[in-house]
Amino acid sequence: MTRLLEILGFVAFGLAAYVAFFAVVGLPFYFLGKRSWKAVEAQRRASGRIRGVMTRMARETLLLVPAKESGFSKLGGEPELPAGAGWPEGRKRPRTFVGQIDLAAFRQHGGPEWLPQQGRLYVFTDEDGWGFADETKVLYSLEPPGPATAAPAGVPSRFKERRVAFLPTRSVPSTDWLDADLSQLSDEDLDAVASLHDEPYGDELQHRIGGYPSEIQGGRMQVECELRRRELADDAEVTPAIERAARQWRLLLQVDSDPALGMNWGDGGRLYVFVREKDARAGDFSRTVALSQSN
């Protein structure tokens, strides 16, 4: 009997020691694991919400792809300006011709509804105007195009020509366009969400009309456009009035660095041309704003 009592005593002591150990060491880990699971679940829900917002904000964009048949729209080459249209001048010398777009042909494939149904756009850039709102000049004409116009003396760059067609797809915004709290996302989820706007294109060139820009660097481009249009510094205070006005800016054209055409915007960067929606609807492309980013 005494032996049994001794054995029971040892068992009771062991159980008590185990319970004490669990209370001191195991219990905190249990609650820590519970809190970690809740944190992971909160991050998962936050990631789903952000992805949903980006999907709902998607806009149509048209890729400029090599054309199988020759048409008016093209990148590089010489502009087919209408009669009487002069070659735009830059600050120090004539501007460089970037490309031309037939809006009627463009419309056959969809595209942003805020662009005119008819007419043609001619895009020129001032290689001495980097950082200014009018770095790029866009001419809009309803007149029939003329023969190719040779570049005047002093034009700094002449790009090779590529006739283009239009391929519609969907464009989602980068996180810089979202009015959302990203602090709950894990680093892994944040990286995944941040790359969503580039996923449809992979490593392909991104010459595009409409949609959202594919930024190389961070930054709120719509706000940058409004600041440049007001001739304010990039680090100027962003007032509520500037925030409201910035919502009007739309991506008109994105042009990638393209070795085959001899185009290089900075160090393998991109040129972005923006227009206010109300101006585009009125056929007024005289107040576009250009931004550029590079690697």
Protein backbone atom coordinates (compact mmCIF):
# COMPACT_ATOMS: atom_id res chain seq x y z
CA MET A 1 0.00 0.00 0.00
CA THR A 2 2.83 2.32 0.90
CA ARG A 3 4.48 1.56 -2.46
CA LEU A 4 1.24 2.45 -4.30
CA LEU A 5 0.95 5.71 -2.43
CA GLU A 6 4.54 6.53 -3.37
CA ILE A 7 3.80 5.82 -7.04
CA LEU A 8 0.66 7.95 -6.96
CA GLY A 9 2.63 10.72 -5.31
CA PHE A 10 5.24 10.64 -8.07
CA VAL A 11 2.49 10.73 -10.74
CA ALA A 12 0.76 13.64 -9.05
CA PHE A 13 4.07 15.46 -8.75
CA GLY A 14 4.79 14.86 -12.45
CA LEU A 15 1.38 16.12 -13.50
CA ALA A 16 1.77 19.19 -11.34
CA ALA A 17 5.20 19.87 -12.83
CA TYR A 18 3.82 19.47 -16.37
CA VAL A 19 0.91 21.82 -15.66
CA ALA A 20 3.27 24.36 -14.13
CA PHE A 21 5.63 24.10 -17.11
CA PHE A 22 2.76 24.55 -19.60
CA ALA A 23 1.43 27.54 -17.65
CA VAL A 24 4.83 29.22 -17.60
CA VAL A 25 6.15 28.25 -21.03
CA GLY A 26 3.48 26.64 -23.21
CA LEU A 27 0.49 28.87 -22.50
CA PRO A 28 2.16 32.08 -23.77
CA PHE A 29 3.15 30.27 -26.97
CA TYR A 30 -0.42 29.06 -27.37
CA PHE A 31 -1.82 32.59 -27.17
CA LEU A 32 1.02 33.93 -29.30
CA GLY A 33 0.16 31.37 -31.98
CA LYS A 34 -3.48 32.32 -31.74
CA ARG A 35 -2.64 36.00 -32.19
CA SER A 36 -0.31 35.17 -35.12
CA TRP A 37 -3.09 33.24 -36.84
CA LYS A 38 -5.43 36.20 -36.40
CA ALA A 39 -2.79 38.53 -37.83
CA VAL A 40 -2.29 36.27 -40.85
CA GLU A 41 -6.04 36.09 -41.42
CA ALA A 42 -6.31 39.90 -41.17
CA GLN A 43 -3.52 40.26 -43.74
CA ARG A 44 -5.25 37.80 -46.06
CA ARG A 45 -8.53 39.72 -45.88
CA ALA A 46 -6.75 43.04 -46.41
CA SER A 47 -4.96 41.68 -49.48
CA GLY A 48 -8.28 40.45 -50.91
CA ARG A 49 -9.89 43.85 -50.35
CA ILE A 50 -7.03 45.69 -52.08
CA ARG A 51 -7.13 43.32 -55.06
CA GLY A 52 -10.89 43.83 -55.29
CA VAL A 53 -10.49 47.62 -55.33
CA MET A 54 -7.85 47.40 -58.06
CA THR A 55 -10.07 45.14 -60.17
CA ARG A 56 -13.06 47.47 -59.84
CA MET A 57 -10.92 50.46 -60.81
CA ALA A 58 -9.62 48.77 -64.00
CA ARG A 59 -9.75 50.81 -67.22
CA GLU A 60 -9.50 49.84 -70.85
CA THR A 61 -6.15 50.36 -72.53
CA LEU A 62 -5.00 49.72 -76.10
CA LEU A 63 -1.53 48.37 -76.76
CA LEU A 64 0.24 49.69 -79.84
CA VAL A 65 1.48 46.54 -81.55
CA PRO A 66 3.20 46.07 -84.93
CA ALA A 67 0.60 46.31 -87.70
CA LYS A 68 0.13 43.59 -90.29
CA GLU A 69 -1.23 46.14 -92.75
CA SER A 70 -0.02 49.66 -93.33
CA GLY A 71 -2.21 52.41 -91.93
CA PHE A 72 -1.88 55.94 -90.59
CA SER A 73 -0.98 55.19 -86.97
CA LYS A 74 2.69 54.74 -86.25
CA LEU A 75 5.60 55.35 -83.92
CA GLY A 76 8.66 57.15 -85.26
CA GLY A 77 9.35 57.94 -88.89
CA GLU A 78 8.13 61.24 -90.33
CA PRO A 79 4.77 62.85 -89.49
CA GLU A 80 2.10 63.03 -92.16
CA LEU A 81 0.96 66.51 -91.17
CA PRO A 82 -2.11 68.16 -92.71
CA ALA A 83 -1.63 71.05 -95.13
CA GLY A 84 -0.59 74.22 -93.37
CA ALA A 85 0.56 72.57 -90.15
CA GLY A 86 4.05 73.59 -89.13
CA TRP A 87 6.65 71.53 -87.32
CA PRO A 88 6.46 72.43 -83.59
CA GLU A 89 9.42 74.24 -82.08
CA GLY A 90 10.97 73.44 -78.71
CA ARG A 91 12.84 75.71 -76.35
CA LYS A 92 16.10 75.65 -78.30
CA ARG A 93 15.44 73.63 -81.45
CA PRO A 94 12.66 71.79 -83.32
CA ARG A 95 10.87 69.06 -81.42
CA THR A 96 11.40 65.35 -82.01
CA PHE A 97 8.51 63.46 -83.63
CA VAL A 98 7.29 60.53 -81.49
CA GLY A 99 4.22 59.18 -83.28
CA GLN A 100 0.77 59.72 -84.78
CA ILE A 101 -2.62 58.11 -84.06
CA ASP A 102 -5.78 57.82 -86.16
CA LEU A 103 -8.59 58.14 -83.63
CA ALA A 104 -11.24 56.72 -85.98
CA ALA A 105 -9.21 53.52 -86.46
CA PHE A 106 -8.46 53.49 -82.75
CA ARG A 107 -12.18 53.69 -81.93
CA GLN A 108 -12.92 50.52 -83.88
CA HIS A 109 -11.16 48.61 -81.10
CA GLY A 110 -12.80 50.38 -78.16
CA GLY A 111 -10.53 52.60 -76.17
CA PRO A 112 -11.24 55.37 -73.68
CA GLU A 113 -14.65 56.92 -74.32
CA TRP A 114 -13.33 60.39 -73.43
CA LEU A 115 -11.24 60.58 -76.61
CA PRO A 116 -12.78 62.14 -79.76
CA GLN A 117 -14.40 59.79 -82.28
CA GLN A 118 -12.58 61.35 -85.25
CA GLY A 119 -9.35 63.17 -86.02
CA ARG A 120 -5.66 62.49 -85.69
CA LEU A 121 -3.09 63.07 -82.99
CA TYR A 122 0.54 63.99 -83.68
CA VAL A 123 2.96 63.74 -80.74
CA PHE A 124 6.25 65.66 -80.50
CA THR A 125 8.66 65.99 -77.58
CA ASP A 126 11.14 68.70 -76.60
CA GLU A 127 14.42 67.09 -75.63
CA ASP A 128 15.41 70.34 -73.93
CA GLY A 129 12.17 70.53 -71.95
CA TRP A 130 12.60 67.71 -69.45
CA GLY A 131 10.76 68.51 -66.23
CA PHE A 132 8.45 71.09 -67.80
CA ALA A 133 4.72 70.59 -68.25
CA ASP A 134 4.95 71.17 -72.01
CA GLU A 135 7.82 68.75 -72.60
CA THR A 136 5.52 66.99 -75.06
CA LYS A 137 3.28 68.77 -77.56
CA VAL A 138 0.22 67.06 -79.04
CA LEU A 139 -1.38 68.37 -82.22
CA TYR A 140 -5.00 67.44 -82.93
CA SER A 141 -6.41 67.81 -86.43
CA LEU A 142 -9.62 66.91 -88.25
CA GLU A 143 -8.01 67.71 -91.61
CA PRO A 144 -6.82 64.90 -93.91
CA PRO A 145 -3.16 63.99 -93.53
CA GLY A 146 -0.61 65.08 -96.07
CA PRO A 147 2.56 63.41 -97.31
CA ALA A 148 5.36 62.63 -94.88
CA THR A 149 7.05 65.82 -93.68
CA ALA A 150 10.82 65.69 -93.49
CA ALA A 151 12.31 66.79 -90.19
CA PRO A 152 13.81 70.30 -90.28
CA ALA A 153 17.46 70.93 -89.55
CA GLY A 154 18.30 70.85 -85.88
CA VAL A 155 15.93 68.08 -84.80
CA PRO A 156 17.96 66.18 -82.17
CA SER A 157 16.55 62.68 -82.77
CA ARG A 158 14.91 60.77 -85.59
CA PHE A 159 13.27 57.49 -84.64
CA LYS A 160 12.83 54.56 -86.98
CA GLU A 161 9.28 53.94 -88.18
CA ARG A 162 6.86 51.24 -87.09
CA ARG A 163 3.22 51.19 -88.23
CA VAL A 164 1.01 50.10 -85.36
CA ALA A 165 -2.35 48.41 -84.74
CA PHE A 166 -4.42 48.40 -81.55
CA LEU A 167 -4.83 45.52 -79.12
CA PRO A 168 -7.41 46.11 -76.35
CA THR A 169 -6.78 44.88 -72.83
CA ARG A 170 -7.51 45.88 -69.24
CA SER A 171 -5.29 48.06 -67.11
CA VAL A 172 -5.34 48.06 -63.30
CA PRO A 173 -3.86 50.85 -61.19
CA SER A 174 -0.70 50.60 -59.17
CA THR A 175 -0.99 51.06 -55.42
CA ASP A 176 -0.05 54.74 -55.88
CA TRP A 177 -3.52 55.34 -57.35
CA LEU A 178 -5.36 53.78 -54.42
CA ASP A 179 -6.87 55.63 -51.49
CA ALA A 180 -6.40 52.62 -49.25
CA ASP A 181 -4.56 51.59 -46.09
CA LEU A 182 -1.80 49.15 -47.04
CA SER A 183 -0.28 48.90 -43.57
CA GLN A 184 -2.03 45.59 -42.80
CA LEU A 185 -0.43 43.80 -45.74
CA SER A 186 2.55 41.55 -45.20
CA ASP A 187 5.71 42.33 -47.16
CA GLU A 188 4.97 39.34 -49.41
CA ASP A 189 1.38 40.47 -50.10
CA LEU A 190 2.48 44.07 -50.64
CA ASP A 191 5.04 42.97 -53.25
CA ALA A 192 2.41 40.82 -54.98
CA VAL A 193 -0.18 43.62 -55.05
CA ALA A 194 2.41 46.18 -56.20
CA SER A 195 3.25 44.05 -59.26
CA LEU A 196 -0.35 43.44 -60.38
CA HIS A 197 -0.46 46.43 -62.75
CA ASP A 198 2.48 45.05 -64.75
CA GLU A 199 1.49 41.37 -64.77
CA PRO A 200 -0.57 41.38 -68.02
CA TYR A 201 2.41 42.61 -70.04
CA GLY A 202 5.30 40.58 -68.67
CA ASP A 203 8.53 41.73 -70.29
CA GLU A 204 6.80 43.02 -73.43
CA LEU A 205 7.14 46.63 -74.56
CA GLN A 206 4.34 48.82 -73.27
CA HIS A 207 3.41 51.37 -75.90
CA ARG A 208 -0.18 52.11 -74.83
CA ILE A 209 -3.10 54.52 -75.06
CA GLY A 210 -5.42 54.99 -72.08
CA GLY A 211 -5.68 53.01 -68.87
CA TYR A 212 -3.21 53.52 -66.03
CA PRO A 213 0.51 54.11 -66.42
CA SER A 214 2.97 51.32 -65.73
CA GLU A 215 5.25 53.22 -63.39
CA ILE A 216 8.91 52.32 -63.11
CA GLN A 217 9.27 54.35 -59.92
CA GLY A 218 6.77 55.28 -57.26
CA GLY A 219 4.80 58.50 -57.18
CA ARG A 220 1.29 59.83 -57.64
CA MET A 221 1.41 60.79 -61.29
CA GLN A 222 -2.00 62.45 -61.37
CA VAL A 223 -0.90 64.82 -58.60
CA GLU A 224 2.45 65.41 -60.33
CA CYS A 225 0.54 66.44 -63.47
CA GLU A 226 -1.54 68.98 -61.58
CA LEU A 227 1.52 70.43 -59.87
CA ARG A 228 3.36 70.82 -63.17
CA ARG A 229 0.34 72.37 -64.86
CA ARG A 230 0.23 74.94 -62.04
CA GLU A 231 4.01 75.41 -62.34
CA LEU A 232 4.54 74.29 -58.76
CA ALA A 233 7.50 72.33 -57.42
CA ASP A 234 7.13 68.56 -57.12
CA ASP A 235 7.41 68.87 -53.32
CA ALA A 236 4.81 71.65 -53.06
CA GLU A 237 1.96 71.27 -50.58
CA VAL A 238 -0.85 69.17 -52.02
CA THR A 239 -3.99 71.05 -51.03
CA PRO A 240 -7.54 69.61 -51.20
CA ALA A 241 -8.11 71.73 -54.34
CA ILE A 242 -5.09 70.13 -56.02
CA GLU A 243 -6.27 66.66 -54.98
CA ARG A 244 -9.70 67.30 -56.55
CA ALA A 245 -8.23 68.72 -59.76
CA ALA A 246 -5.77 65.81 -60.04
CA ARG A 247 -8.66 63.36 -60.52
CA GLN A 248 -9.22 64.78 -64.02
CA TRP A 249 -5.88 63.61 -65.42
CA ARG A 250 -5.92 60.61 -67.78
CA LEU A 251 -3.11 58.69 -69.45
CA LEU A 252 -3.21 59.65 -73.11
CA LEU A 253 -0.08 57.86 -74.26
CA GLN A 254 2.69 55.76 -72.77
CA VAL A 255 5.78 55.19 -74.89
CA ASP A 256 8.39 52.65 -73.84
CA SER A 257 12.09 52.66 -74.58
CA ASP A 258 12.34 50.67 -77.81
CA PRO A 259 15.81 49.74 -79.10
CA ALA A 260 14.43 48.69 -82.50
CA LEU A 261 13.16 52.25 -83.03
CA GLY A 262 16.14 53.96 -81.41
CA MET A 263 13.92 55.26 -78.58
CA ASN A 264 15.44 55.57 -75.13
CA TRP A 265 13.76 57.66 -72.45
CA GLY A 266 16.51 58.18 -69.92
CA ASP A 267 17.98 54.86 -68.82
CA GLY A 268 15.54 52.41 -70.41
CA GLY A 269 12.61 54.44 -69.14
CA ARG A 270 9.16 55.47 -70.35
CA LEU A 271 7.49 58.64 -71.53
CA TYR A 272 3.98 59.32 -70.20
CA VAL A 273 1.64 61.91 -71.72
CA PHE A 274 -1.43 62.94 -69.73
CA VAL A 275 -4.47 65.04 -70.61
CA ARG A 276 -7.40 66.23 -68.53
CA GLU A 277 -10.58 64.34 -69.38
CA LYS A 278 -12.63 67.50 -69.89
CA ASP A 279 -10.00 68.87 -72.31
CA ALA A 280 -9.87 65.63 -74.31
CA ARG A 281 -13.66 65.55 -74.60
CA ALA A 282 -13.53 69.08 -76.00
CA GLY A 283 -10.80 68.13 -78.50
CA ASP A 284 -8.28 70.36 -76.71
CA PHE A 285 -4.84 68.75 -76.48
CA SER A 286 -2.91 72.00 -76.07
CA ARG A 287 -2.42 71.57 -72.32
CA THR A 288 -1.10 68.04 -71.97
CA VAL A 289 1.53 67.23 -69.35
CA ALA A 290 4.44 64.86 -69.89
CA LEU A 291 6.25 62.86 -67.23
CA SER A 292 9.10 60.42 -67.63
CA GLN A 293 10.67 57.76 -65.44
CA SER A 294 13.71 55.59 -65.90
CA ASN A 295 15.43 52.68 -64.20
